Amino acid sequence: MERIYTPEVAHHVGERVRVAGSLHTLRRLGGINFLVLRDARGTVQVVVDTAEALASLESLLPETVLAVEGLVVAEPQAPGGIEIRAPRFEILSPVRAALPFSLNKPALKASLPVFLDHAVVGLRHVQRRGLFRLSAGIMAGFRATLDGLGFTEIQTPKLVASATESGANVFAVDYFGQRAYLAQSPQFYKQIMVGVFERVYEVGPVFRAEPHDTVRHINEYVSLDAEFGFIRDHRDVMAVASAVMRGILAYLQAHYAAELETLGVTALPVAPAEFPAIYFPDAQELILQRWGEDCRGEPDLAPQHERWLGEWARTEFGSDFLFVTGYPMGKRPFYTHPNPADPAYSNSFDLLFRGTELVTGGQRLHLYQDYLDALARQGVTDLKPFETYLEAFKFGMPPHGGFAIGLERFVMQLLGLDNIRLGTLFPRDLSRLAP
């Protein structure tokens, strides 16, 4: 008999079926007992009402892997309105050791460190599984939206010869006797590929050797990157970033309603047709006037400032998203295009999602001489590490720009998690390199 998944059982009332999965719970009530079997797609109740059937489960604990063959019966009082009766069990992988924490309760009771220590088991919990299925949906929505806009997906190297990206520390590795680095981003490569495809995107890991120990930073995360050519300025990039955000949310609503319900998301974020935007110096002035904190002259916004601005955007514009544009050039990488009307500031932006930075992007330099001048201003005299990168511009590149979204931070903000590690499959931080 071919195995079916638990959601399909309801279509086979009056028939015998075979299901397989893990022993979720076994309630022993004397003469009649109820086993709940969990597979990758749901659960089904099995009635165990004979001594022989119960004996086959003797001494087995939750998470035992088993197959069940039995008759599907409509039963209004059963979960989902159906149950399996007259079962025969096949034990595929017995479990006789107690779990580090219970997986058959509506919510996990383990502390974050304990959960992370035992994540290989804890990820089986229905809510945790739903969270990472939703994470997969975000990636799928990102891809679907950009595919619809004529982008080509690429995969770029994660082992690179030079630590040329500014703004973050790097992890050095031995590469057959020479020094190499884990890529901090696909930035250089995706710019190069604009010269090939005009519109490209990538979904992949990036590595930041920054000694943060906060609830919103990890050292390896998934970056959703896009880059495209023939733009006028950063506002064209903002328009595409907005479309991607709306596309992802629409994709989740259309394809991941069950996961959203499991995770208690009753309403998706408000993403208007046009996201509100505020110029960086104006944002600092607003912070002074409204909240009495003078951050003028600072090159960046503190997390508290971002939260305030997020509240302001929700109140004033009814939006969960807010662009902050025009960060100081000193805060942005050397390839960032300056604002022609205000050269101390850049044609760049951050997109705040519910008061937390989610997206960084902007317009890039595209003229070869501009790159030489920008590197000279940074005091770079040895151009050898940049040779292959600069070659793309030496032989002509269109005006272009792009952005990057942090997947785990997106999940964190969407679900209201209090720590990004809860939105990360196997987090890597200052103290954790396993599991």
Protein backbone atom coordinates (compact mmCIF):
# COMPACT_ATOMS: atom_id res chain seq x y z
CA MET A 1 0.00 0.00 0.00
CA GLU A 2 1.41 3.42 -0.96
CA ARG A 3 1.89 5.92 1.82
CA ILE A 4 -0.20 9.11 1.82
CA TYR A 5 0.25 12.31 3.86
CA THR A 6 -2.07 13.12 6.75
CA PRO A 7 -4.00 15.96 5.02
CA GLU A 8 -5.02 13.44 2.32
CA VAL A 9 -6.59 11.01 4.80
CA ALA A 10 -9.93 12.85 4.81
CA HIS A 11 -10.37 12.02 1.11
CA HIS A 12 -10.33 8.27 1.83
CA VAL A 13 -13.23 7.75 4.26
CA GLY A 14 -14.27 4.09 4.18
CA GLU A 15 -10.90 2.98 2.77
CA ARG A 16 -7.79 1.54 4.30
CA VAL A 17 -4.72 3.81 4.05
CA ARG A 18 -1.08 3.84 5.04
CA VAL A 19 0.43 6.87 6.76
CA ALA A 20 3.86 7.30 8.30
CA GLY A 21 5.49 9.81 10.62
CA SER A 22 6.34 10.37 14.27
CA LEU A 23 4.47 9.43 17.40
CA HIS A 24 3.26 12.86 18.51
CA THR A 25 1.17 11.79 21.51
CA LEU A 26 -0.33 8.62 22.94
CA ARG A 27 -3.21 9.08 25.37
CA ARG A 28 -3.87 5.94 27.37
CA LEU A 29 -7.47 5.93 28.60
CA GLY A 30 -7.87 2.28 29.54
CA GLY A 31 -9.94 0.31 27.06
CA ILE A 32 -9.55 2.83 24.27
CA ASN A 33 -6.42 4.84 23.51
CA PHE A 34 -5.64 7.61 21.04
CA LEU A 35 -2.39 8.00 19.15
CA VAL A 36 -1.65 11.15 17.20
CA LEU A 37 0.75 10.65 14.31
CA ARG A 38 2.60 13.69 12.92
CA ASP A 39 4.15 13.87 9.48
CA ALA A 40 5.68 16.76 7.55
CA ARG A 41 2.27 18.14 6.59
CA GLY A 42 0.00 17.63 9.58
CA THR A 43 -1.41 15.18 12.12
CA VAL A 44 -4.02 12.44 12.24
CA GLN A 45 -5.65 10.60 15.13
CA VAL A 46 -5.41 6.81 15.36
CA VAL A 47 -7.71 4.78 17.64
CA VAL A 48 -5.85 2.01 19.51
CA ASP A 49 -8.57 -0.19 20.98
CA THR A 50 -7.10 -3.68 21.10
CA ALA A 51 -4.57 -5.17 23.48
CA GLU A 52 -2.54 -6.46 20.54
CA ALA A 53 -2.25 -2.99 18.91
CA LEU A 54 -1.39 -1.37 22.24
CA ALA A 55 1.25 -4.01 22.98
CA SER A 56 3.07 -3.15 19.74
CA LEU A 57 3.61 0.35 21.16
CA GLU A 58 4.83 -0.81 24.56
CA SER A 59 7.73 1.26 26.03
CA LEU A 60 7.89 3.54 22.98
CA LEU A 61 8.17 7.28 23.61
CA PRO A 62 7.21 10.36 21.56
CA GLU A 63 9.11 10.84 18.27
CA THR A 64 9.18 7.11 17.57
CA VAL A 65 8.96 6.82 13.78
CA LEU A 66 6.23 4.45 12.64
CA ALA A 67 3.90 3.54 9.81
CA VAL A 68 0.19 2.92 10.35
CA GLU A 69 -2.26 1.07 8.13
CA GLY A 70 -5.92 1.34 9.04
CA LEU A 71 -9.50 2.17 8.11
CA VAL A 72 -10.48 5.83 7.71
CA VAL A 73 -13.70 6.67 9.55
CA ALA A 74 -15.61 9.94 9.77
CA GLU A 75 -15.81 11.01 13.41
CA PRO A 76 -17.07 14.56 14.18
CA GLN A 77 -15.40 14.60 17.59
CA ALA A 78 -11.96 13.69 16.22
CA PRO A 79 -9.47 16.38 15.16
CA GLY A 80 -10.24 17.20 11.54
CA GLY A 81 -13.41 15.14 11.67
CA ILE A 82 -11.74 11.82 10.80
CA GLU A 83 -9.69 9.12 12.48
CA ILE A 84 -7.98 5.85 11.63
CA ARG A 85 -9.32 2.66 13.21
CA ALA A 86 -8.31 -1.01 13.25
CA PRO A 87 -4.65 -0.01 12.92
CA ARG A 88 -1.60 -2.14 12.23
CA PHE A 89 1.71 -0.58 13.31
CA GLU A 90 5.17 -0.91 11.84
CA ILE A 91 7.89 0.52 14.07
CA LEU A 92 10.55 2.08 11.84
CA SER A 93 12.75 3.80 14.42
CA PRO A 94 11.96 3.31 18.13
CA VAL A 95 12.62 6.04 20.70
CA ARG A 96 13.12 5.01 24.33
CA ALA A 97 14.98 8.06 25.66
CA ALA A 98 13.18 11.10 27.04
CA LEU A 99 13.22 14.24 24.89
CA PRO A 100 15.11 17.30 26.18
CA PHE A 101 11.75 19.12 26.14
CA SER A 102 8.22 18.32 25.06
CA LEU A 103 7.32 18.70 21.38
CA ASN A 104 3.61 17.88 21.68
CA LYS A 105 2.52 21.03 23.51
CA PRO A 106 1.11 24.07 21.65
CA ALA A 107 4.19 26.12 22.57
CA LEU A 108 7.77 25.15 23.36
CA LYS A 109 8.68 25.70 27.00
CA ALA A 110 12.46 25.49 26.58
CA SER A 111 14.67 28.53 27.15
CA LEU A 112 16.46 29.88 24.08
CA PRO A 113 19.90 28.41 24.99
CA VAL A 114 18.39 24.99 25.74
CA PHE A 115 16.38 25.05 22.54
CA LEU A 116 19.41 26.02 20.45
CA ASP A 117 21.51 23.30 22.08
CA HIS A 118 18.90 20.75 20.97
CA ALA A 119 17.65 22.44 17.79
CA VAL A 120 18.09 19.25 15.76
CA VAL A 121 15.08 17.91 17.67
CA GLY A 122 13.34 21.16 18.62
CA LEU A 123 12.86 22.20 15.00
CA ARG A 124 10.30 19.39 14.67
CA HIS A 125 7.82 21.36 16.79
CA VAL A 126 4.81 22.41 14.73
CA GLN A 127 5.37 26.13 15.29
CA ARG A 128 9.09 25.96 14.57
CA ARG A 129 8.43 23.96 11.44
CA GLY A 130 5.81 26.50 10.38
CA LEU A 131 8.24 29.35 10.94
CA PHE A 132 10.88 27.92 8.64
CA ARG A 133 8.30 26.94 6.05
CA LEU A 134 7.27 30.60 6.12
CA SER A 135 10.92 31.57 5.73
CA ALA A 136 11.00 29.41 2.60
CA GLY A 137 7.90 31.28 1.42
CA ILE A 138 9.68 34.62 1.78
CA MET A 139 12.48 33.37 -0.45
CA ALA A 140 10.00 31.97 -2.95
CA GLY A 141 8.07 35.26 -3.00
CA PHE A 142 11.29 37.20 -3.53
CA ARG A 143 12.22 34.99 -6.46
CA ALA A 144 8.73 35.03 -7.99
CA THR A 145 8.48 38.82 -7.83
CA LEU A 146 11.87 39.44 -9.42
CA ASP A 147 11.36 36.72 -12.03
CA GLY A 148 8.22 38.61 -13.00
CA LEU A 149 10.28 41.80 -13.37
CA GLY A 150 12.74 40.19 -15.77
CA PHE A 151 15.58 39.42 -13.34
CA THR A 152 17.96 36.47 -13.68
CA GLU A 153 19.00 34.47 -10.61
CA ILE A 154 22.76 34.05 -10.10
CA GLN A 155 24.98 32.32 -7.56
CA THR A 156 28.27 34.01 -6.72
CA PRO A 157 31.40 32.70 -4.88
CA LYS A 158 31.46 32.64 -1.10
CA LEU A 159 35.24 32.15 -1.03
CA VAL A 160 36.97 35.31 -2.21
CA ALA A 161 40.58 36.36 -2.57
CA SER A 162 40.38 39.85 -1.10
CA ALA A 163 38.57 41.45 1.81
CA THR A 164 37.60 44.48 -0.25
CA GLU A 165 34.08 45.14 1.02
CA SER A 166 34.09 48.01 3.51
CA GLY A 167 32.03 48.32 6.65
CA ALA A 168 32.51 44.90 8.23
CA ASN A 169 35.16 42.51 9.47
CA VAL A 170 35.81 39.29 7.58
CA PHE A 171 36.45 35.63 8.35
CA ALA A 172 39.81 34.49 6.99
CA VAL A 173 40.22 30.88 5.84
CA ASP A 174 43.06 28.79 4.49
CA TYR A 175 42.60 28.09 0.78
CA PHE A 176 45.21 25.51 -0.25
CA GLY A 177 47.95 27.44 1.52
CA GLN A 178 46.86 30.95 0.61
CA ARG A 179 44.68 33.40 2.53
CA ALA A 180 41.05 33.64 1.44
CA TYR A 181 37.92 35.10 3.02
CA LEU A 182 34.26 34.26 3.43
CA ALA A 183 32.26 36.72 1.35
CA GLN A 184 30.64 39.58 3.26
CA SER A 185 28.13 40.05 0.43
CA PRO A 186 27.74 39.32 -3.28
CA GLN A 187 27.97 43.06 -3.95
CA PHE A 188 30.93 43.15 -6.34
CA TYR A 189 29.78 40.13 -8.30
CA LYS A 190 26.19 41.22 -8.67
CA GLN A 191 27.38 44.62 -9.97
CA ILE A 192 29.63 42.85 -12.46
CA MET A 193 26.71 40.70 -13.61
CA VAL A 194 24.59 43.77 -14.36
CA GLY A 195 26.92 44.12 -17.33
CA VAL A 196 25.81 40.64 -18.46
CA PHE A 197 22.09 40.36 -17.65
CA GLU A 198 21.14 43.96 -16.66
CA ARG A 199 18.89 42.59 -13.88
CA VAL A 200 20.13 39.97 -11.40
CA TYR A 201 19.33 38.62 -7.97
CA GLU A 202 20.78 36.12 -5.54
CA VAL A 203 19.63 34.25 -2.45
CA GLY A 204 22.58 33.02 -0.41
CA PRO A 205 24.59 33.16 2.81
CA VAL A 206 26.84 36.05 3.79
CA PHE A 207 29.35 36.23 6.62
CA ARG A 208 30.13 39.16 8.92
CA ALA A 209 32.88 38.80 11.52
CA GLU A 210 31.45 41.55 13.67
CA PRO A 211 31.64 41.00 17.44
CA HIS A 212 28.00 41.88 18.05
CA ASP A 213 26.10 40.26 20.88
CA THR A 214 22.62 41.66 20.35
CA VAL A 215 19.13 40.28 19.71
CA ARG A 216 19.23 41.51 16.08
CA HIS A 217 22.68 40.42 14.85
CA ILE A 218 24.15 37.08 13.79
CA ASN A 219 27.42 36.33 11.99
CA GLU A 220 26.03 34.23 9.14
CA TYR A 221 22.70 35.05 7.58
CA VAL A 222 20.78 34.69 4.33
CA SER A 223 20.85 37.77 2.12
CA LEU A 224 18.28 38.42 -0.60
CA ASP A 225 20.17 40.61 -3.07
CA ALA A 226 19.06 42.40 -6.24
CA GLU A 227 20.95 44.65 -8.65
CA PHE A 228 19.83 46.20 -11.94
CA GLY A 229 20.92 48.65 -14.59
CA PHE A 230 19.70 51.67 -16.52
CA ILE A 231 18.30 53.48 -13.52
CA ARG A 232 17.94 57.22 -13.09
CA ASP A 233 18.87 57.28 -9.40
CA HIS A 234 18.19 55.51 -6.10
CA ARG A 235 14.48 56.22 -6.32
CA ASP A 236 14.17 53.64 -9.09
CA VAL A 237 15.81 51.14 -6.73
CA MET A 238 13.39 52.09 -3.96
CA ALA A 239 10.46 51.46 -6.31
CA VAL A 240 11.66 47.93 -7.06
CA ALA A 241 12.41 47.25 -3.38
CA SER A 242 8.85 48.35 -2.53
CA ALA A 243 7.41 46.08 -5.23
CA VAL A 244 9.44 43.17 -3.85
CA MET A 245 8.13 43.75 -0.33
CA ARG A 246 4.54 43.85 -1.56
CA GLY A 247 5.17 40.81 -3.74
CA ILE A 248 6.56 38.75 -0.88
CA LEU A 249 3.62 39.58 1.37
CA ALA A 250 1.11 38.78 -1.39
CA TYR A 251 2.88 35.47 -2.00
CA LEU A 252 2.68 34.55 1.69
CA GLN A 253 -0.99 35.44 1.80
CA ALA A 254 -1.72 33.32 -1.29
CA HIS A 255 0.40 30.26 -0.48
CA TYR A 256 1.19 30.21 3.26
CA ALA A 257 -2.12 30.94 4.99
CA ALA A 258 -1.87 27.77 7.09
CA GLU A 259 1.60 28.67 8.39
CA LEU A 260 0.53 32.23 9.16
CA GLU A 261 -2.41 30.89 11.15
CA THR A 262 -0.21 28.40 13.02
CA LEU A 263 2.15 31.24 13.96
CA GLY A 264 -0.66 33.55 15.09
CA VAL A 265 -0.30 36.12 12.30
CA THR A 266 -3.80 37.51 11.99
CA ALA A 267 -2.90 40.42 9.70
CA LEU A 268 0.02 40.96 7.36
CA PRO A 269 2.06 44.18 7.54
CA VAL A 270 0.63 47.30 5.95
CA ALA A 271 2.53 47.90 2.70
CA PRO A 272 0.97 50.84 0.83
CA ALA A 273 1.29 51.40 -2.92
CA GLU A 274 3.99 53.98 -2.18
CA PHE A 275 6.15 53.65 0.91
CA PRO A 276 6.74 56.90 2.82
CA ALA A 277 10.30 58.29 2.80
CA ILE A 278 12.28 60.80 4.86
CA TYR A 279 15.67 62.36 4.13
CA PHE A 280 18.33 61.44 6.70
CA PRO A 281 18.98 65.02 7.96
CA ASP A 282 15.22 65.58 8.19
CA ALA A 283 14.88 62.36 10.19
CA GLN A 284 17.47 63.60 12.67
CA GLU A 285 15.66 66.92 12.95
CA LEU A 286 12.36 65.10 13.53
CA ILE A 287 13.95 63.03 16.29
CA LEU A 288 15.11 66.24 17.98
CA GLN A 289 11.79 68.03 17.65
CA ARG A 290 9.51 65.15 18.57
CA TRP A 291 11.55 63.07 21.02
CA GLY A 292 14.03 65.65 22.28
CA GLU A 293 17.18 63.73 21.38
CA ASP A 294 19.82 65.59 19.39
CA CYS A 295 21.52 63.12 17.05
CA ARG A 296 22.41 65.67 14.39
CA GLY A 297 25.89 65.11 13.06
CA GLU A 298 25.79 61.39 13.79
CA PRO A 299 26.50 59.22 10.71
CA ASP A 300 23.79 56.66 11.45
CA LEU A 301 20.56 56.08 13.34
CA ALA A 302 20.53 54.21 16.63
CA PRO A 303 18.05 51.32 17.07
CA GLN A 304 15.88 53.53 19.30
CA HIS A 305 15.76 56.19 16.57
CA GLU A 306 14.62 53.57 14.06
CA ARG A 307 11.87 52.43 16.43
CA TRP A 308 10.66 56.01 16.86
CA LEU A 309 10.62 56.57 13.13
CA GLY A 310 8.74 53.31 12.62
CA GLU A 311 6.05 54.45 15.07
CA TRP A 312 5.88 57.81 13.29
CA ALA A 313 5.42 56.14 9.88
CA ARG A 314 2.62 53.95 11.21
CA THR A 315 0.85 56.90 12.83
CA GLU A 316 1.34 59.46 10.05
CA PHE A 317 1.12 57.26 6.96
CA GLY A 318 -0.46 54.00 8.12
CA SER A 319 2.62 52.13 6.86
CA ASP A 320 4.75 49.43 8.46
CA PHE A 321 7.56 50.46 6.09
CA LEU A 322 9.60 53.67 5.93
CA PHE A 323 12.51 54.63 3.68
CA VAL A 324 15.26 56.74 5.21
CA THR A 325 17.27 58.19 2.34
CA GLY A 326 20.51 60.11 1.95
CA TYR A 327 22.81 58.64 4.58
CA PRO A 328 26.14 60.49 4.93
CA MET A 329 28.75 59.42 2.38
CA GLY A 330 31.17 58.64 5.20
CA LYS A 331 28.82 55.88 6.40
CA ARG A 332 28.35 54.25 3.00
CA PRO A 333 30.75 52.02 0.99
CA PHE A 334 33.06 53.64 -1.57
CA TYR A 335 30.93 52.46 -4.52
CA THR A 336 27.91 54.50 -3.37
CA HIS A 337 26.82 57.35 -5.63
CA PRO A 338 26.72 60.77 -3.93
CA ASN A 339 23.68 63.01 -4.09
CA PRO A 340 24.60 65.49 -6.89
CA ALA A 341 22.69 68.27 -5.11
CA ASP A 342 24.17 67.52 -1.68
CA PRO A 343 27.48 65.61 -2.13
CA ALA A 344 28.05 65.07 1.60
CA TYR A 345 25.07 62.73 1.49
CA SER A 346 24.46 59.68 -0.67
CA ASN A 347 21.89 58.39 -3.10
CA SER A 348 21.29 55.49 -0.75
CA PHE A 349 18.58 54.30 1.61
CA ASP A 350 17.61 51.98 4.42
CA LEU A 351 14.12 50.54 4.53
CA LEU A 352 12.78 50.26 8.07
CA PHE A 353 10.23 47.52 8.72
CA ARG A 354 8.28 48.09 11.91
CA GLY A 355 11.06 50.26 13.22
CA THR A 356 14.04 48.04 12.38
CA GLU A 357 16.44 48.30 9.46
CA LEU A 358 15.57 45.52 7.02
CA VAL A 359 16.89 46.63 3.63
CA THR A 360 19.97 48.61 2.59
CA GLY A 361 20.45 49.82 -0.96
CA GLY A 362 21.03 52.68 -3.32
CA GLN A 363 22.60 53.91 -6.52
CA ARG A 364 26.17 52.80 -7.29
CA LEU A 365 28.95 54.56 -9.10
CA HIS A 366 29.19 53.34 -12.69
CA LEU A 367 32.03 55.37 -14.28
CA TYR A 368 35.54 53.90 -14.16
CA GLN A 369 37.23 57.20 -13.24
CA ASP A 370 34.74 57.77 -10.43
CA TYR A 371 35.88 54.48 -8.91
CA LEU A 372 39.53 55.44 -9.13
CA ASP A 373 38.75 58.78 -7.48
CA ALA A 374 36.61 57.18 -4.75
CA LEU A 375 39.31 54.66 -3.85
CA ALA A 376 41.93 57.43 -3.81
CA ARG A 377 39.79 59.42 -1.37
CA GLN A 378 39.71 56.34 0.85
CA GLY A 379 43.53 56.26 0.80
CA VAL A 380 43.67 53.10 -1.32
CA THR A 381 46.89 53.09 -3.36
CA ASP A 382 47.12 49.39 -4.17
CA LEU A 383 44.42 48.63 -6.72
CA LYS A 384 45.42 45.00 -7.23
CA PRO A 385 42.66 43.57 -4.96
CA PHE A 386 40.12 45.51 -7.04
CA GLU A 387 41.46 44.67 -10.50
CA THR A 388 38.79 42.24 -11.66
CA TYR A 389 36.03 44.36 -10.15
CA LEU A 390 37.27 47.56 -11.79
CA GLU A 391 37.68 45.83 -15.15
CA ALA A 392 33.90 45.65 -15.49
CA PHE A 393 33.68 49.44 -15.21
CA LYS A 394 36.68 50.08 -17.43
CA PHE A 395 34.78 48.49 -20.29
CA GLY A 396 31.45 50.19 -19.70
CA MET A 397 28.67 49.71 -17.14
CA PRO A 398 25.19 51.26 -17.17
CA PRO A 399 23.94 53.42 -14.30
CA HIS A 400 22.79 50.86 -11.77
CA GLY A 401 21.80 50.18 -8.20
CA GLY A 402 20.45 47.52 -5.92
CA PHE A 403 19.51 46.42 -2.46
CA ALA A 404 19.80 43.55 0.04
CA ILE A 405 17.25 42.11 2.48
CA GLY A 406 18.22 40.14 5.57
CA LEU A 407 15.98 37.07 5.60
CA GLU A 408 16.22 36.26 9.31
CA ARG A 409 15.53 39.85 10.30
CA PHE A 410 12.51 39.85 7.99
CA VAL A 411 11.19 36.76 9.80
CA MET A 412 11.95 38.34 13.18
CA GLN A 413 9.97 41.50 12.41
CA LEU A 414 7.13 39.76 10.61
CA LEU A 415 6.47 37.43 13.55
CA GLY A 416 7.37 39.83 16.35
CA LEU A 417 10.18 37.62 17.67
CA ASP A 418 12.31 39.07 20.47
CA ASN A 419 15.55 37.51 19.20
CA ILE A 420 16.79 36.97 15.65
CA ARG A 421 18.13 33.55 16.65
CA LEU A 422 14.53 32.34 16.84
CA GLY A 423 14.22 33.15 13.14
CA THR A 424 17.49 31.46 12.19
CA LEU A 425 17.69 27.76 11.36
CA PHE A 426 21.06 27.09 13.05
CA PRO A 427 22.38 30.47 14.25
CA ARG A 428 26.05 31.39 14.27
CA ASP A 429 27.13 34.07 16.72
CA LEU A 430 30.03 34.91 19.00
CA SER A 431 29.56 31.80 21.11
CA ARG A 432 27.76 29.27 18.93
CA LEU A 433 29.24 27.09 16.20
CA ALA A 434 27.00 24.04 16.77
CA PRO A 435 24.70 22.34 16.11
